[in-house]
Amino acid sequence: FILADLRDTRAGLCASLGDETLER
């Protein structure tokens, strides 16, 4: 459940910031 939440959080931030900014 923690890893699933991690994936969902990453996807949400990617939508807000874009891949490059999120990775920075």
PDB file of all heavy atoms in Angstrom:
ATOM      1  N   PHE A   1       0.830  -1.210   0.000  1.00  0.00           N
ATOM      2  CA  PHE A   1       0.000   0.000   0.000  1.00  0.00           C
ATOM      3  C   PHE A   1       0.862   1.257   0.000  1.00  0.00           C
ATOM      4  O   PHE A   1       0.466   2.286  -0.554  1.00  0.00           O
ATOM      5  CB  PHE A   1      -0.990  -0.006   1.171  1.00  0.00           C
ATOM      6  CG  PHE A   1      -0.417   0.389   2.507  1.00  0.00           C
ATOM      7  CD1 PHE A   1      -0.467   1.702   2.942  1.00  0.00           C
ATOM      8  CD2 PHE A   1       0.142  -0.558   3.348  1.00  0.00           C
ATOM      9  CE1 PHE A   1       0.047   2.066   4.172  1.00  0.00           C
ATOM     10  CE2 PHE A   1       0.656  -0.211   4.586  1.00  0.00           C
ATOM     11  CZ  PHE A   1       0.611   1.114   5.004  1.00  0.00           C
ATOM     12  N   ILE A   2       2.055   1.187   0.579  1.00  0.00           N
ATOM     13  CA  ILE A   2       2.959   2.329   0.560  1.00  0.00           C
ATOM     14  C   ILE A   2       3.522   2.532  -0.845  1.00  0.00           C
ATOM     15  O   ILE A   2       3.599   3.656  -1.350  1.00  0.00           O
ATOM     16  CB  ILE A   2       4.098   2.128   1.576  1.00  0.00           C
ATOM     17  CG1 ILE A   2       3.570   2.285   3.004  1.00  0.00           C
ATOM     18  CG2 ILE A   2       5.254   3.098   1.334  1.00  0.00           C
ATOM     19  CD1 ILE A   2       3.206   3.708   3.390  1.00  0.00           C
ATOM     20  N   LEU A   3       3.898   1.444  -1.495  1.00  0.00           N
ATOM     21  CA  LEU A   3       4.461   1.550  -2.848  1.00  0.00           C
ATOM     22  C   LEU A   3       3.402   2.015  -3.851  1.00  0.00           C
ATOM     23  O   LEU A   3       3.706   2.797  -4.764  1.00  0.00           O
ATOM     24  CB  LEU A   3       5.051   0.207  -3.266  1.00  0.00           C
ATOM     25  CG  LEU A   3       6.242  -0.269  -2.429  1.00  0.00           C
ATOM     26  CD1 LEU A   3       6.719  -1.627  -2.917  1.00  0.00           C
ATOM     27  CD2 LEU A   3       7.374   0.739  -2.458  1.00  0.00           C
ATOM     28  N   ALA A   4       2.156   1.547  -3.682  1.00  0.00           N
ATOM     29  CA  ALA A   4       1.077   2.005  -4.565  1.00  0.00           C
ATOM     30  C   ALA A   4       0.836   3.493  -4.378  1.00  0.00           C
ATOM     31  O   ALA A   4       0.633   4.245  -5.344  1.00  0.00           O
ATOM     32  CB  ALA A   4      -0.201   1.212  -4.286  1.00  0.00           C
ATOM     33  N   ASP A   5       0.869   3.932  -3.130  1.00  0.00           N
ATOM     34  CA  ASP A   5       0.679   5.353  -2.837  1.00  0.00           C
ATOM     35  C   ASP A   5       1.829   6.179  -3.416  1.00  0.00           C
ATOM     36  O   ASP A   5       1.633   7.286  -3.927  1.00  0.00           O
ATOM     37  CB  ASP A   5       0.593   5.550  -1.325  1.00  0.00           C
ATOM     38  CG  ASP A   5       0.249   6.978  -0.942  1.00  0.00           C
ATOM     39  OD1 ASP A   5      -0.937   7.344  -1.073  1.00  0.00           O
ATOM     40  OD2 ASP A   5       1.157   7.726  -0.539  1.00  0.00           O
ATOM     41  N   LEU A   6       3.042   5.624  -3.359  1.00  0.00           N
ATOM     42  CA  LEU A   6       4.208   6.303  -3.922  1.00  0.00           C
ATOM     43  C   LEU A   6       4.022   6.523  -5.423  1.00  0.00           C
ATOM     44  O   LEU A   6       4.282   7.613  -5.948  1.00  0.00           O
ATOM     45  CB  LEU A   6       5.464   5.469  -3.656  1.00  0.00           C
ATOM     46  CG  LEU A   6       6.785   6.045  -4.146  1.00  0.00           C
ATOM     47  CD1 LEU A   6       7.204   7.238  -3.304  1.00  0.00           C
ATOM     48  CD2 LEU A   6       7.884   4.974  -4.117  1.00  0.00           C
ATOM     49  N   ARG A   7       3.540   5.492  -6.125  1.00  0.00           N
ATOM     50  CA  ARG A   7       3.322   5.621  -7.570  1.00  0.00           C
ATOM     51  C   ARG A   7       2.261   6.669  -7.879  1.00  0.00           C
ATOM     52  O   ARG A   7       2.422   7.489  -8.799  1.00  0.00           O
ATOM     53  CB  ARG A   7       2.909   4.262  -8.160  1.00  0.00           C
ATOM     54  CG  ARG A   7       4.035   3.227  -8.174  1.00  0.00           C
ATOM     55  CD  ARG A   7       3.642   2.002  -8.988  1.00  0.00           C
ATOM     56  NE  ARG A   7       2.549   1.260  -8.359  1.00  0.00           N
ATOM     57  CZ  ARG A   7       2.724   0.285  -7.476  1.00  0.00           C
ATOM     58  NH1 ARG A   7       3.953  -0.063  -7.105  1.00  0.00           N
ATOM     59  NH2 ARG A   7       1.693  -0.359  -6.966  1.00  0.00           N
ATOM     60  N   ASP A   8       1.175   6.670  -7.103  1.00  0.00           N
ATOM     61  CA  ASP A   8       0.106   7.646  -7.330  1.00  0.00           C
ATOM     62  C   ASP A   8       0.595   9.070  -7.065  1.00  0.00           C
ATOM     63  O   ASP A   8       0.243  10.007  -7.797  1.00  0.00           O
ATOM     64  CB  ASP A   8      -1.087   7.342  -6.417  1.00  0.00           C
ATOM     65  CG  ASP A   8      -1.813   6.065  -6.808  1.00  0.00           C
ATOM     66  OD1 ASP A   8      -1.585   5.571  -7.934  1.00  0.00           O
ATOM     67  OD2 ASP A   8      -2.601   5.556  -5.985  1.00  0.00           O
ATOM     68  N   THR A   9       1.397   9.228  -6.016  1.00  0.00           N
ATOM     69  CA  THR A   9       1.923  10.556  -5.685  1.00  0.00           C
ATOM     70  C   THR A   9       2.851  11.049  -6.782  1.00  0.00           C
ATOM     71  O   THR A   9       2.783  12.207  -7.203  1.00  0.00           O
ATOM     72  CB  THR A   9       2.677  10.504  -4.343  1.00  0.00           C
ATOM     73  OG1 THR A   9       1.798  10.022  -3.327  1.00  0.00           O
ATOM     74  CG2 THR A   9       3.186  11.889  -3.946  1.00  0.00           C
ATOM     75  N   ARG A  10       3.703  10.157  -7.259  1.00  0.00           N
ATOM     76  CA  ARG A  10       4.621  10.541  -8.335  1.00  0.00           C
ATOM     77  C   ARG A  10       3.858  10.943  -9.592  1.00  0.00           C
ATOM     78  O   ARG A  10       4.186  11.938 -10.257  1.00  0.00           O
ATOM     79  CB  ARG A  10       5.569   9.376  -8.642  1.00  0.00           C
ATOM     80  CG  ARG A  10       6.642   9.731  -9.677  1.00  0.00           C
ATOM     81  CD  ARG A  10       7.473   8.520 -10.074  1.00  0.00           C
ATOM     82  NE  ARG A  10       8.291   8.048  -8.968  1.00  0.00           N
ATOM     83  CZ  ARG A  10       8.189   6.849  -8.430  1.00  0.00           C
ATOM     84  NH1 ARG A  10       7.273   5.983  -8.876  1.00  0.00           N
ATOM     85  NH2 ARG A  10       8.987   6.482  -7.452  1.00  0.00           N
ATOM     86  N   ALA A  11       2.800  10.175  -9.917  1.00  0.00           N
ATOM     87  CA  ALA A  11       2.007  10.491 -11.113  1.00  0.00           C
ATOM     88  C   ALA A  11       1.324  11.850 -10.977  1.00  0.00           C
ATOM     89  O   ALA A  11       1.281  12.634 -11.939  1.00  0.00           O
ATOM     90  CB  ALA A  11       0.966   9.399 -11.339  1.00  0.00           C
ATOM     91  N   GLY A  12       0.792  12.143  -9.795  1.00  0.00           N
ATOM     92  CA  GLY A  12       0.137  13.431  -9.585  1.00  0.00           C
ATOM     93  C   GLY A  12       1.101  14.595  -9.705  1.00  0.00           C
ATOM     94  O   GLY A  12       0.778  15.631 -10.309  1.00  0.00           O
ATOM     95  N   LEU A  13       2.296  14.442  -9.146  1.00  0.00           N
ATOM     96  CA  LEU A  13       3.283  15.520  -9.227  1.00  0.00           C
ATOM     97  C   LEU A  13       3.823  15.670 -10.645  1.00  0.00           C
ATOM     98  O   LEU A  13       4.128  16.777 -11.087  1.00  0.00           O
ATOM     99  CB  LEU A  13       4.435  15.244  -8.256  1.00  0.00           C
ATOM    100  CG  LEU A  13       4.109  15.448  -6.776  1.00  0.00           C
ATOM    101  CD1 LEU A  13       5.253  14.979  -5.892  1.00  0.00           C
ATOM    102  CD2 LEU A  13       3.800  16.917  -6.495  1.00  0.00           C
ATOM    103  N   CYS A  14       3.917  14.566 -11.347  1.00  0.00           N
ATOM    104  CA  CYS A  14       4.370  14.634 -12.735  1.00  0.00           C
ATOM    105  C   CYS A  14       3.386  15.441 -13.580  1.00  0.00           C
ATOM    106  O   CYS A  14       3.775  16.236 -14.438  1.00  0.00           O
ATOM    107  CB  CYS A  14       4.532  13.223 -13.297  1.00  0.00           C
ATOM    108  SG  CYS A  14       5.247  13.168 -14.948  1.00  0.00           S
ATOM    109  N   ALA A  15       2.095  15.262 -13.310  1.00  0.00           N
ATOM    110  CA  ALA A  15       1.072  16.018 -14.034  1.00  0.00           C
ATOM    111  C   ALA A  15       1.164  17.506 -13.729  1.00  0.00           C
ATOM    112  O   ALA A  15       0.881  18.356 -14.589  1.00  0.00           O
ATOM    113  CB  ALA A  15      -0.314  15.490 -13.665  1.00  0.00           C
ATOM    114  N   SER A  16       1.565  17.852 -12.488  1.00  0.00           N
ATOM    115  CA  SER A  16       1.664  19.255 -12.081  1.00  0.00           C
ATOM    116  C   SER A  16       2.954  19.909 -12.556  1.00  0.00           C
ATOM    117  O   SER A  16       2.958  21.077 -12.975  1.00  0.00           O
ATOM    118  CB  SER A  16       1.591  19.375 -10.557  1.00  0.00           C
ATOM    119  OG  SER A  16       0.393  18.857 -10.059  1.00  0.00           O
ATOM    120  N   LEU A  17       4.056  19.172 -12.500  1.00  0.00           N
ATOM    121  CA  LEU A  17       5.364  19.766 -12.737  1.00  0.00           C
ATOM    122  C   LEU A  17       5.992  19.389 -14.072  1.00  0.00           C
ATOM    123  O   LEU A  17       6.847  20.114 -14.579  1.00  0.00           O
ATOM    124  CB  LEU A  17       6.323  19.336 -11.615  1.00  0.00           C
ATOM    125  CG  LEU A  17       6.004  19.817 -10.204  1.00  0.00           C
ATOM    126  CD1 LEU A  17       6.901  19.092  -9.195  1.00  0.00           C
ATOM    127  CD2 LEU A  17       6.199  21.320 -10.100  1.00  0.00           C
ATOM    128  N   GLY A  18       5.594  18.247 -14.616  1.00  0.00           N
ATOM    129  CA  GLY A  18       6.287  17.708 -15.775  1.00  0.00           C
ATOM    130  C   GLY A  18       7.448  16.833 -15.333  1.00  0.00           C
ATOM    131  O   GLY A  18       7.962  16.979 -14.220  1.00  0.00           O
ATOM    132  N   ASP A  19       7.850  15.937 -16.216  1.00  0.00           N
ATOM    133  CA  ASP A  19       8.887  14.959 -15.874  1.00  0.00           C
ATOM    134  C   ASP A  19      10.191  15.607 -15.437  1.00  0.00           C
ATOM    135  O   ASP A  19      10.780  15.233 -14.414  1.00  0.00           O
ATOM    136  CB  ASP A  19       9.164  14.044 -17.072  1.00  0.00           C
ATOM    137  CG  ASP A  19       8.083  13.002 -17.257  1.00  0.00           C
ATOM    138  OD1 ASP A  19       7.432  12.642 -16.268  1.00  0.00           O
ATOM    139  OD2 ASP A  19       7.899  12.543 -18.403  1.00  0.00           O
ATOM    140  N   GLU A  20      10.662  16.581 -16.208  1.00  0.00           N
ATOM    141  CA  GLU A  20      11.983  17.152 -15.962  1.00  0.00           C
ATOM    142  C   GLU A  20      12.038  17.881 -14.621  1.00  0.00           C
ATOM    143  O   GLU A  20      12.963  17.680 -13.821  1.00  0.00           O
ATOM    144  CB  GLU A  20      12.352  18.104 -17.108  1.00  0.00           C
ATOM    145  CG  GLU A  20      13.782  18.611 -17.025  1.00  0.00           C
ATOM    146  CD  GLU A  20      14.159  19.468 -18.222  1.00  0.00           C
ATOM    147  OE1 GLU A  20      13.506  19.353 -19.277  1.00  0.00           O
ATOM    148  OE2 GLU A  20      15.125  20.251 -18.080  1.00  0.00           O
ATOM    149  N   THR A  21      11.045  18.720 -14.360  1.00  0.00           N
ATOM    150  CA  THR A  21      11.027  19.471 -13.101  1.00  0.00           C
ATOM    151  C   THR A  21      10.849  18.547 -11.909  1.00  0.00           C
ATOM    152  O   THR A  21      11.469  18.728 -10.858  1.00  0.00           O
ATOM    153  CB  THR A  21       9.890  20.510 -13.120  1.00  0.00           C
ATOM    154  OG1 THR A  21      10.041  21.344 -14.268  1.00  0.00           O
ATOM    155  CG2 THR A  21       9.911  21.369 -11.863  1.00  0.00           C
ATOM    156  N   LEU A  22       9.993  17.539 -12.068  1.00  0.00           N
ATOM    157  CA  LEU A  22       9.792  16.576 -10.988  1.00  0.00           C
ATOM    158  C   LEU A  22      11.096  15.857 -10.668  1.00  0.00           C
ATOM    159  O   LEU A  22      11.463  15.703  -9.494  1.00  0.00           O
ATOM    160  CB  LEU A  22       8.722  15.551 -11.383  1.00  0.00           C
ATOM    161  CG  LEU A  22       8.548  14.363 -10.432  1.00  0.00           C
ATOM    162  CD1 LEU A  22       8.169  14.824  -9.032  1.00  0.00           C
ATOM    163  CD2 LEU A  22       7.492  13.394 -10.977  1.00  0.00           C
ATOM    164  N   GLU A  23      11.836  15.440 -11.673  1.00  0.00           N
ATOM    165  CA  GLU A  23      13.077  14.716 -11.425  1.00  0.00           C
ATOM    166  C   GLU A  23      14.124  15.602 -10.779  1.00  0.00           C
ATOM    167  O   GLU A  23      14.908  15.138  -9.938  1.00  0.00           O
ATOM    168  CB  GLU A  23      13.604  14.113 -12.730  1.00  0.00           C
ATOM    169  CG  GLU A  23      12.840  12.883 -13.176  1.00  0.00           C
ATOM    170  CD  GLU A  23      12.701  11.849 -12.068  1.00  0.00           C
ATOM    171  OE1 GLU A  23      13.730  11.470 -11.473  1.00  0.00           O
ATOM    172  OE2 GLU A  23      11.564  11.431 -11.789  1.00  0.00           O
ATOM    173  N   ARG A  24      14.165  16.885 -11.141  1.00  0.00           N
ATOM    174  CA  ARG A  24      15.102  17.796 -10.485  1.00  0.00           C
ATOM    175  C   ARG A  24      14.778  17.897  -9.000  1.00  0.00           C
ATOM    176  O   ARG A  24      15.666  17.869  -8.149  1.00  0.00           O
ATOM    177  CB  ARG A  24      15.046  19.194 -11.128  1.00  0.00           C
ATOM    178  CG  ARG A  24      15.864  19.328 -12.391  1.00  0.00           C
ATOM    179  CD  ARG A  24      16.207  20.782 -12.675  1.00  0.00           C
ATOM    180  NE  ARG A  24      15.019  21.616 -12.766  1.00  0.00           N
ATOM    181  CZ  ARG A  24      14.355  21.866 -13.890  1.00  0.00           C
ATOM    182  NH1 ARG A  24      14.764  21.315 -15.026  1.00  0.00           N
ATOM    183  NH2 ARG A  24      13.300  22.648 -13.885  1.00  0.00           N
TER     184      ARG A  24
END
